[in-house]
Amino acid sequence: MEEQRAPHHWWRYGPPWRHAADGVEPGRARWPWRSTALLTAFVLIGTHFAAHGQHHRVPLDDSARVLLVATSLLLLWRQRYPVFAVFGTAALALGYLAAGYPYGPVFLTVAVACFSAVVAGHRRAAWMAVALLWTGHALVALWLYRWLPPAGDRGAGLAQEIVIATWVLAVVAVSELARVRREQWARERADRAQAARRRADEERLRIARELHDVLAHSISVINVQAGMGLALIDSDPEQARAALTTIKAASKEALGEVRQVLDTLRAPGAAPRAPAPGLDRLPELVEQAAAAGLTVDVEGEPPPLPPGADLAAFRIVQEALTNVVRHSGARHARVGLAHDGGALRLLIDDDGPATGADAGGSGNGLAGMRERAAALGGTIEAGPRPDGGYRVLAVLPSRLREDQ
């Protein structure tokens, strides 16, 4: 399951702490108190130590510390309002440098704000803020230093500004890489969620087909036998008793198969307790059809098939015979089996005519047959015959067990 992924695969799907934040509205994002507090302490302590080697700069005072704290605290808004955070940190950092205070980790606050803005999708705003900071610093270092503190300060060289520009580009590049990776994680998670929904839908359809095929056939037999029993209960009690016996057997079989389907739902992933039905149970279908007054002739021998194809073939024959019992006046049907060129051909014919009677069916039988055949790459052709009656022709690609 998704929650049980191996920890060393987190890099493929994104850090676990990012998953909860995805899809959260900007106004309801969490406040990053801890990281901001740690970063504020780092900026203050780091700047204090960095100032010892910069005697030509203005010494740190209360105003400088207020600027450093304000610049760092703006990072509290980097998740809710990333554009405000990146422009605010850039402006305060530029003001700190223009006041002549020592260089230090104050630039780290701008880098963190830029990273957050780019990852959040505000790329242009992040680029503009960083570009404005670098441009302002270049103006101060190359020209405005004459009128700004400290007194007697000398301008920086062009090489130093190129180095700073290189660091700026590196920060932006890392931010862009993180944004691309995050978008890739989001796509992968969306794809996995869609695949999970698709598997769930397919499983629901499979269960619906199984329940339809099980219940439709058995209940059709029960419906016919119940009608016969009611008609003969006074004139022929023995025949009515035989109809009730057939109803009991059909309902017991239906309950067993429904229980098997429900057991797979209660214990997902567990092996079914009973094997899935296949063409080896074709004689049972013939007996059930005979109990409903339909004589079925079987031509050909069922070949050994894989379980999936065997179950599909059985259900198709079962549904076709059920439709004959429900909707046809025919008392005779034929089931033809042929295996040729790796394909199983199923032919179910009846002589008709159609009765137009409604036996309480859902109308999904033919659709279910087509879905079963399509799942194996096969086809279903169903329709009236030119000489009367109805025909169902199924072609199911298959391979013999011994060839696998």
Protein backbone atom coordinates (compact mmCIF):
# COMPACT_ATOMS: atom_id res chain seq x y z
CA MET A 1 0.00 0.00 0.00
CA GLU A 2 1.03 3.63 -0.45
CA GLU A 3 1.58 4.16 3.26
CA GLN A 4 3.92 1.17 3.39
CA ARG A 5 6.46 2.38 0.84
CA ALA A 6 10.04 1.64 1.68
CA PRO A 7 11.68 4.69 3.32
CA HIS A 8 14.63 4.69 0.91
CA HIS A 9 12.24 5.38 -1.99
CA TRP A 10 11.06 8.76 -0.62
CA TRP A 11 13.17 10.63 -3.18
CA ARG A 12 11.06 9.19 -5.99
CA TYR A 13 7.76 10.42 -4.61
CA GLY A 14 8.74 13.53 -2.64
CA PRO A 15 9.59 14.10 1.02
CA PRO A 16 6.77 12.94 3.31
CA TRP A 17 6.51 16.36 4.95
CA ARG A 18 5.65 17.92 1.59
CA HIS A 19 2.64 15.68 0.97
CA ALA A 20 0.51 17.21 3.68
CA ALA A 21 1.23 20.73 2.45
CA ASP A 22 0.23 20.05 -1.14
CA GLY A 23 -3.19 21.38 -1.96
CA VAL A 24 -3.36 23.57 1.18
CA GLU A 25 -4.76 27.00 0.52
CA PRO A 26 -2.17 29.81 0.87
CA GLY A 27 -4.17 31.54 3.60
CA ARG A 28 -4.32 28.32 5.67
CA ALA A 29 -0.68 27.17 5.41
CA ARG A 30 1.17 26.49 8.64
CA TRP A 31 3.40 29.11 10.21
CA PRO A 32 7.07 27.94 10.01
CA TRP A 33 7.92 29.06 13.55
CA ARG A 34 10.69 26.60 14.31
CA SER A 35 12.71 27.04 11.14
CA THR A 36 12.31 30.83 11.30
CA ALA A 37 13.46 30.93 14.94
CA LEU A 38 16.51 28.80 14.15
CA LEU A 39 17.36 30.92 11.13
CA THR A 40 16.96 34.15 13.12
CA ALA A 41 19.35 32.87 15.77
CA PHE A 42 21.82 31.77 13.12
CA VAL A 43 21.72 35.19 11.39
CA LEU A 44 22.24 37.11 14.66
CA ILE A 45 25.02 34.89 15.96
CA GLY A 46 26.71 34.57 12.56
CA THR A 47 26.63 38.31 11.94
CA HIS A 48 28.06 38.94 15.41
CA PHE A 49 31.07 36.76 14.69
CA ALA A 50 31.45 38.03 11.11
CA ALA A 51 31.60 41.63 12.36
CA HIS A 52 34.89 40.99 14.23
CA GLY A 53 36.84 40.84 11.00
CA GLN A 54 35.19 43.87 9.36
CA HIS A 55 36.54 46.84 11.31
CA HIS A 56 36.05 49.14 8.32
CA ARG A 57 32.25 48.65 8.50
CA VAL A 58 29.78 50.30 10.85
CA PRO A 59 29.74 48.40 14.19
CA LEU A 60 26.63 46.45 15.05
CA ASP A 61 24.15 48.42 17.13
CA ASP A 62 20.52 48.07 18.16
CA SER A 63 19.30 49.36 14.78
CA ALA A 64 21.34 46.72 12.98
CA ARG A 65 19.96 43.96 15.20
CA VAL A 66 16.40 45.18 14.65
CA LEU A 67 16.97 45.06 10.87
CA LEU A 68 18.39 41.53 11.13
CA VAL A 69 15.50 40.29 13.27
CA ALA A 70 12.91 41.96 11.03
CA THR A 71 14.50 40.48 7.92
CA SER A 72 14.49 37.00 9.44
CA LEU A 73 10.95 37.23 10.86
CA LEU A 74 9.59 38.03 7.39
CA LEU A 75 10.27 34.37 6.62
CA LEU A 76 7.23 33.51 8.72
CA TRP A 77 5.16 34.60 5.72
CA ARG A 78 7.19 32.70 3.11
CA GLN A 79 4.54 29.95 2.76
CA ARG A 80 1.41 32.06 3.00
CA TYR A 81 2.64 35.12 1.10
CA PRO A 82 5.89 34.18 -0.69
CA VAL A 83 5.99 37.28 -2.92
CA PHE A 84 5.71 39.61 0.10
CA ALA A 85 8.39 37.61 1.92
CA VAL A 86 10.94 37.65 -0.89
CA PHE A 87 10.54 41.36 -1.68
CA GLY A 88 10.50 42.25 2.03
CA THR A 89 13.68 40.33 2.86
CA ALA A 90 15.44 41.75 -0.20
CA ALA A 91 14.47 45.32 0.70
CA LEU A 92 15.52 45.01 4.38
CA ALA A 93 18.77 43.27 3.47
CA LEU A 94 19.56 46.05 1.01
CA GLY A 95 18.77 48.65 3.69
CA TYR A 96 21.04 46.83 6.14
CA LEU A 97 23.92 46.87 3.65
CA ALA A 98 23.30 50.47 2.61
CA ALA A 99 23.61 51.49 6.29
CA GLY A 100 27.17 50.18 6.20
CA TYR A 101 26.72 47.32 8.66
CA PRO A 102 29.00 44.26 8.41
CA TYR A 103 28.43 41.58 5.81
CA GLY A 104 27.11 38.32 7.15
CA PRO A 105 24.43 35.62 6.80
CA VAL A 106 21.68 38.19 6.23
CA PHE A 107 21.80 37.08 2.58
CA LEU A 108 20.64 33.65 3.71
CA THR A 109 17.19 35.05 4.52
CA VAL A 110 16.83 36.30 0.95
CA ALA A 111 17.98 32.93 -0.41
CA VAL A 112 15.38 31.07 1.70
CA ALA A 113 12.61 33.48 0.68
CA CYS A 114 13.64 33.18 -2.98
CA PHE A 115 13.59 29.38 -2.72
CA SER A 116 10.10 29.38 -1.20
CA ALA A 117 8.74 31.78 -3.81
CA VAL A 118 10.14 29.81 -6.75
CA VAL A 119 8.89 26.47 -5.38
CA ALA A 120 5.46 28.03 -4.81
CA GLY A 121 5.35 29.06 -8.49
CA HIS A 122 6.14 32.78 -8.13
CA ARG A 123 9.25 32.59 -10.26
CA ARG A 124 9.23 36.08 -11.78
CA ALA A 125 8.68 37.75 -8.43
CA ALA A 126 11.62 35.82 -6.93
CA TRP A 127 13.88 36.68 -9.86
CA MET A 128 12.91 40.35 -9.71
CA ALA A 129 13.50 40.60 -5.96
CA VAL A 130 16.92 38.96 -6.18
CA ALA A 131 17.83 41.04 -9.21
CA LEU A 132 16.82 44.24 -7.40
CA LEU A 133 18.93 43.23 -4.39
CA TRP A 134 21.97 42.55 -6.54
CA THR A 135 21.47 45.77 -8.55
CA GLY A 136 21.11 47.82 -5.37
CA HIS A 137 24.20 46.21 -3.86
CA ALA A 138 26.18 46.89 -7.05
CA LEU A 139 25.13 50.56 -6.99
CA VAL A 140 26.12 50.89 -3.35
CA ALA A 141 29.43 49.07 -3.77
CA LEU A 142 30.48 50.78 -7.02
CA TRP A 143 29.02 54.29 -6.77
CA LEU A 144 26.85 55.28 -3.80
CA TYR A 145 29.46 54.26 -1.19
CA ARG A 146 30.87 57.84 -1.42
CA TRP A 147 27.78 59.25 0.28
CA LEU A 148 26.81 56.31 2.49
CA PRO A 149 28.33 55.13 5.78
CA PRO A 150 30.92 54.24 6.81
CA ALA A 151 33.00 57.33 6.15
CA GLY A 152 36.07 56.74 4.03
CA ASP A 153 34.77 53.47 2.67
CA ARG A 154 36.25 52.28 -0.61
CA GLY A 155 34.27 50.87 -3.52
CA ALA A 156 34.26 47.22 -4.45
CA GLY A 157 35.71 45.88 -7.65
CA LEU A 158 33.75 44.52 -10.58
CA ALA A 159 35.17 41.05 -9.94
CA GLN A 160 33.53 40.98 -6.50
CA GLU A 161 30.15 41.84 -8.03
CA ILE A 162 30.58 39.07 -10.59
CA VAL A 163 31.21 36.59 -7.76
CA ILE A 164 28.08 37.80 -5.98
CA ALA A 165 26.09 37.51 -9.21
CA THR A 166 27.34 33.94 -9.56
CA TRP A 167 26.04 33.09 -6.08
CA VAL A 168 22.71 34.71 -6.91
CA LEU A 169 22.39 32.61 -10.05
CA ALA A 170 23.28 29.49 -8.07
CA VAL A 171 20.50 30.19 -5.56
CA VAL A 172 17.98 30.74 -8.36
CA ALA A 173 19.13 27.58 -10.16
CA VAL A 174 18.76 25.44 -7.04
CA SER A 175 15.30 26.92 -6.46
CA GLU A 176 14.27 26.11 -10.03
CA LEU A 177 15.51 22.54 -9.69
CA ALA A 178 13.50 22.15 -6.50
CA ARG A 179 10.41 23.55 -8.22
CA VAL A 180 10.75 21.16 -11.16
CA ARG A 181 11.25 18.21 -8.84
CA ARG A 182 8.26 19.18 -6.74
CA GLU A 183 6.06 19.43 -9.82
CA GLN A 184 7.29 16.02 -10.89
CA TRP A 185 6.40 14.60 -7.46
CA ALA A 186 2.94 16.15 -7.73
CA ARG A 187 2.40 14.61 -11.18
CA GLU A 188 3.59 11.21 -9.95
CA ARG A 189 1.26 11.32 -6.97
CA ALA A 190 -1.65 12.39 -9.18
CA ASP A 191 -0.85 9.55 -11.61
CA ARG A 192 -0.72 7.03 -8.79
CA ALA A 193 -4.01 8.30 -7.36
CA GLN A 194 -5.63 8.09 -10.80
CA ALA A 195 -4.26 4.57 -11.30
CA ALA A 196 -5.61 3.55 -7.89
CA ARG A 197 -9.04 4.95 -8.75
CA ARG A 198 -8.94 3.15 -12.09
CA ARG A 199 -8.05 -0.16 -10.41
CA ALA A 200 -10.86 0.35 -7.91
CA ASP A 201 -13.33 1.08 -10.73
CA GLU A 202 -12.19 -1.99 -12.64
CA GLU A 203 -12.57 -4.13 -9.52
CA ARG A 204 -16.07 -2.80 -8.91
CA LEU A 205 -17.01 -3.60 -12.51
CA ARG A 206 -15.56 -7.09 -12.17
CA ILE A 207 -17.52 -7.75 -8.99
CA ALA A 208 -20.68 -6.31 -10.55
CA ARG A 209 -20.28 -8.63 -13.56
CA GLU A 210 -19.75 -11.64 -11.30
CA LEU A 211 -22.80 -10.87 -9.19
CA HIS A 212 -24.92 -10.17 -12.27
CA ASP A 213 -23.93 -13.39 -13.98
CA VAL A 214 -24.40 -15.49 -10.84
CA LEU A 215 -27.74 -14.01 -9.84
CA ALA A 216 -29.22 -13.52 -13.31
CA HIS A 217 -28.82 -17.17 -14.29
CA SER A 218 -29.99 -18.67 -11.01
CA ILE A 219 -32.89 -16.29 -10.54
CA SER A 220 -34.04 -16.86 -14.12
CA VAL A 221 -34.19 -20.58 -13.42
CA ILE A 222 -35.99 -19.89 -10.15
CA ASN A 223 -38.43 -17.56 -11.93
CA VAL A 224 -39.32 -20.15 -14.56
CA GLN A 225 -39.64 -22.99 -12.05
CA ALA A 226 -41.72 -20.86 -9.68
CA GLY A 227 -44.13 -20.05 -12.51
CA MET A 228 -44.33 -23.73 -13.44
CA GLY A 229 -44.89 -24.76 -9.84
CA LEU A 230 -47.69 -22.26 -9.37
CA ALA A 231 -49.37 -23.45 -12.56
CA LEU A 232 -49.12 -27.15 -11.63
CA ILE A 233 -49.50 -27.08 -7.85
CA ASP A 234 -53.12 -28.27 -8.06
CA SER A 235 -53.17 -30.36 -11.23
CA ASP A 236 -49.75 -32.05 -10.94
CA PRO A 237 -48.32 -31.86 -7.41
CA GLU A 238 -45.36 -34.12 -8.27
CA GLN A 239 -44.26 -31.80 -11.08
CA ALA A 240 -44.72 -28.83 -8.76
CA ARG A 241 -42.56 -30.62 -6.18
CA ALA A 242 -39.86 -31.15 -8.82
CA ALA A 243 -39.99 -27.41 -9.63
CA LEU A 244 -39.55 -26.54 -5.96
CA THR A 245 -36.61 -28.95 -5.75
CA THR A 246 -35.00 -27.21 -8.71
CA ILE A 247 -35.62 -23.82 -7.05
CA LYS A 248 -33.93 -25.04 -3.87
CA ALA A 249 -30.87 -26.32 -5.77
CA ALA A 250 -30.55 -23.18 -7.87
CA SER A 251 -30.88 -20.86 -4.87
CA LYS A 252 -28.30 -22.89 -2.92
CA GLU A 253 -25.84 -22.66 -5.80
CA ALA A 254 -26.45 -18.93 -6.16
CA LEU A 255 -25.90 -18.36 -2.45
CA GLY A 256 -22.64 -20.29 -2.59
CA GLU A 257 -21.28 -18.27 -5.50
CA VAL A 258 -22.40 -14.96 -4.00
CA ARG A 259 -20.73 -15.92 -0.72
CA GLN A 260 -17.53 -16.65 -2.63
CA VAL A 261 -17.60 -13.19 -4.23
CA LEU A 262 -18.31 -11.53 -0.88
CA ASP A 263 -15.48 -13.45 0.79
CA THR A 264 -13.01 -11.88 -1.64
CA LEU A 265 -14.32 -8.46 -0.60
CA ARG A 266 -13.97 -9.15 3.11
CA ALA A 267 -10.42 -10.49 2.73
CA PRO A 268 -8.72 -8.49 -0.05
CA GLY A 269 -5.68 -10.19 -1.47
CA ALA A 270 -6.60 -13.59 -0.03
CA ALA A 271 -6.95 -16.56 -2.33
CA PRO A 272 -10.56 -17.62 -2.99
CA ARG A 273 -11.70 -20.63 -0.99
CA ALA A 274 -13.20 -22.33 -4.03
CA PRO A 275 -11.88 -22.43 -7.60
CA ALA A 276 -13.51 -20.13 -10.11
CA PRO A 277 -16.02 -21.87 -12.38
CA GLY A 278 -14.93 -22.87 -15.87
CA LEU A 279 -16.11 -24.80 -18.90
CA ASP A 280 -15.66 -28.03 -16.95
CA ARG A 281 -18.97 -27.07 -15.27
CA LEU A 282 -20.77 -26.80 -18.59
CA PRO A 283 -22.82 -29.96 -17.82
CA GLU A 284 -24.24 -28.15 -14.77
CA LEU A 285 -25.45 -25.33 -17.01
CA VAL A 286 -27.06 -27.86 -19.32
CA GLU A 287 -28.87 -29.48 -16.36
CA GLN A 288 -30.05 -26.12 -15.02
CA ALA A 289 -31.30 -25.12 -18.47
CA ALA A 290 -33.12 -28.45 -18.76
CA ALA A 291 -34.78 -27.78 -15.42
CA ALA A 292 -36.04 -24.50 -16.90
CA GLY A 293 -37.46 -26.35 -19.92
CA LEU A 294 -34.56 -25.64 -22.31
CA THR A 295 -32.74 -28.50 -24.04
CA VAL A 296 -29.09 -27.67 -24.76
CA ASP A 297 -26.86 -29.62 -27.14
CA VAL A 298 -23.11 -29.17 -26.70
CA GLU A 299 -20.85 -29.66 -29.70
CA GLY A 300 -17.10 -29.91 -29.24
CA GLU A 301 -14.88 -30.37 -26.22
CA PRO A 302 -13.66 -27.48 -24.10
CA PRO A 303 -9.89 -27.05 -24.44
CA PRO A 304 -7.68 -26.56 -21.37
CA LEU A 305 -7.65 -22.79 -20.84
CA PRO A 306 -6.01 -20.33 -18.44
CA PRO A 307 -8.24 -19.50 -15.46
CA GLY A 308 -9.21 -16.04 -16.73
CA ALA A 309 -10.28 -17.25 -20.17
CA ASP A 310 -11.99 -20.31 -18.66
CA LEU A 311 -14.08 -18.17 -16.30
CA ALA A 312 -14.99 -15.69 -19.07
CA ALA A 313 -16.05 -18.50 -21.40
CA PHE A 314 -18.22 -20.09 -18.69
CA ARG A 315 -19.90 -16.78 -17.82
CA ILE A 316 -20.57 -15.97 -21.48
CA VAL A 317 -22.26 -19.33 -22.06
CA GLN A 318 -24.16 -18.94 -18.79
CA GLU A 319 -25.44 -15.45 -19.71
CA ALA A 320 -26.34 -16.50 -23.27
CA LEU A 321 -28.40 -19.45 -21.99
CA THR A 322 -29.99 -17.22 -19.36
CA ASN A 323 -31.09 -14.82 -22.10
CA VAL A 324 -32.62 -17.72 -24.05
CA VAL A 325 -34.63 -18.74 -20.95
CA ARG A 326 -35.70 -15.16 -20.31
CA HIS A 327 -36.38 -13.70 -23.71
CA SER A 328 -36.92 -16.54 -26.18
CA GLY A 329 -39.71 -18.96 -26.83
CA ALA A 330 -37.19 -21.56 -28.01
CA ARG A 331 -37.06 -24.88 -26.19
CA HIS A 332 -33.84 -25.93 -27.84
CA ALA A 333 -30.38 -24.30 -27.95
CA ARG A 334 -26.93 -25.28 -29.15
CA VAL A 335 -23.49 -24.51 -27.70
CA GLY A 336 -20.54 -24.96 -30.04
CA LEU A 337 -16.92 -25.04 -28.83
CA ALA A 338 -13.94 -24.81 -31.16
CA HIS A 339 -10.29 -24.00 -30.58
CA ASP A 340 -8.38 -22.83 -33.61
CA GLY A 341 -5.18 -20.85 -33.96
CA GLY A 342 -4.94 -19.92 -30.29
CA ALA A 343 -8.51 -18.60 -30.17
CA LEU A 344 -11.53 -20.18 -28.52
CA ARG A 345 -14.77 -19.79 -30.50
CA LEU A 346 -18.03 -20.03 -28.58
CA LEU A 347 -21.27 -20.22 -30.56
CA ILE A 348 -24.62 -20.18 -28.75
CA ASP A 349 -27.71 -20.50 -30.99
CA ASP A 350 -31.41 -20.75 -30.34
CA ASP A 351 -34.28 -21.13 -32.78
CA GLY A 352 -36.46 -18.41 -31.29
CA PRO A 353 -38.81 -16.74 -31.56
CA ALA A 354 -38.24 -13.84 -29.16
CA THR A 355 -41.04 -13.51 -26.64
CA GLY A 356 -40.43 -9.92 -25.57
CA ALA A 357 -41.12 -11.00 -21.99
CA ASP A 358 -39.39 -9.20 -19.17
CA ALA A 359 -38.02 -11.59 -16.59
CA GLY A 360 -36.72 -8.86 -14.35
CA GLY A 361 -33.31 -8.52 -15.96
CA SER A 362 -31.11 -5.44 -15.64
CA GLY A 363 -30.24 -5.23 -19.33
CA ASN A 364 -26.53 -5.47 -18.54
CA GLY A 365 -25.99 -9.06 -19.64
CA LEU A 366 -24.77 -8.38 -23.16
CA ALA A 367 -22.65 -5.45 -21.96
CA GLY A 368 -21.09 -7.71 -19.33
CA MET A 369 -20.28 -10.36 -21.96
CA ARG A 370 -18.59 -7.74 -24.15
CA GLU A 371 -16.60 -6.43 -21.18
CA ARG A 372 -15.38 -9.92 -20.31
CA ALA A 373 -14.34 -10.60 -23.90
CA ALA A 374 -12.68 -7.18 -24.28
CA ALA A 375 -10.70 -7.71 -21.06
CA LEU A 376 -9.04 -10.72 -22.75
CA GLY A 377 -8.66 -9.01 -26.12
CA GLY A 378 -11.60 -10.93 -27.62
CA THR A 379 -14.85 -9.98 -29.31
CA ILE A 380 -18.57 -10.66 -28.97
CA GLU A 381 -21.09 -10.65 -31.83
CA ALA A 382 -24.73 -10.98 -30.87
CA GLY A 383 -27.92 -10.52 -32.85
CA PRO A 384 -30.89 -12.15 -34.58
CA ARG A 385 -30.22 -14.85 -37.15
CA PRO A 386 -31.56 -14.44 -40.71
CA ASP A 387 -33.62 -17.64 -40.37
CA GLY A 388 -35.00 -16.71 -36.97
CA GLY A 389 -33.69 -17.19 -33.49
CA TYR A 390 -30.68 -15.52 -31.91
CA ARG A 391 -26.93 -16.10 -32.05
CA VAL A 392 -24.05 -15.19 -29.78
CA LEU A 393 -20.53 -15.65 -31.16
CA ALA A 394 -17.58 -15.09 -28.82
CA VAL A 395 -13.92 -15.24 -29.88
CA LEU A 396 -11.52 -15.34 -26.94
CA PRO A 397 -7.75 -15.35 -27.51
CA SER A 398 -6.20 -18.01 -25.30
CA ARG A 399 -3.21 -20.26 -24.83
CA LEU A 400 -3.21 -23.85 -23.63
CA ARG A 401 -1.81 -24.45 -20.17
CA GLU A 402 0.82 -26.84 -21.44
CA ASP A 403 2.15 -24.17 -23.81
CA GLN A 404 2.69 -21.65 -21.00
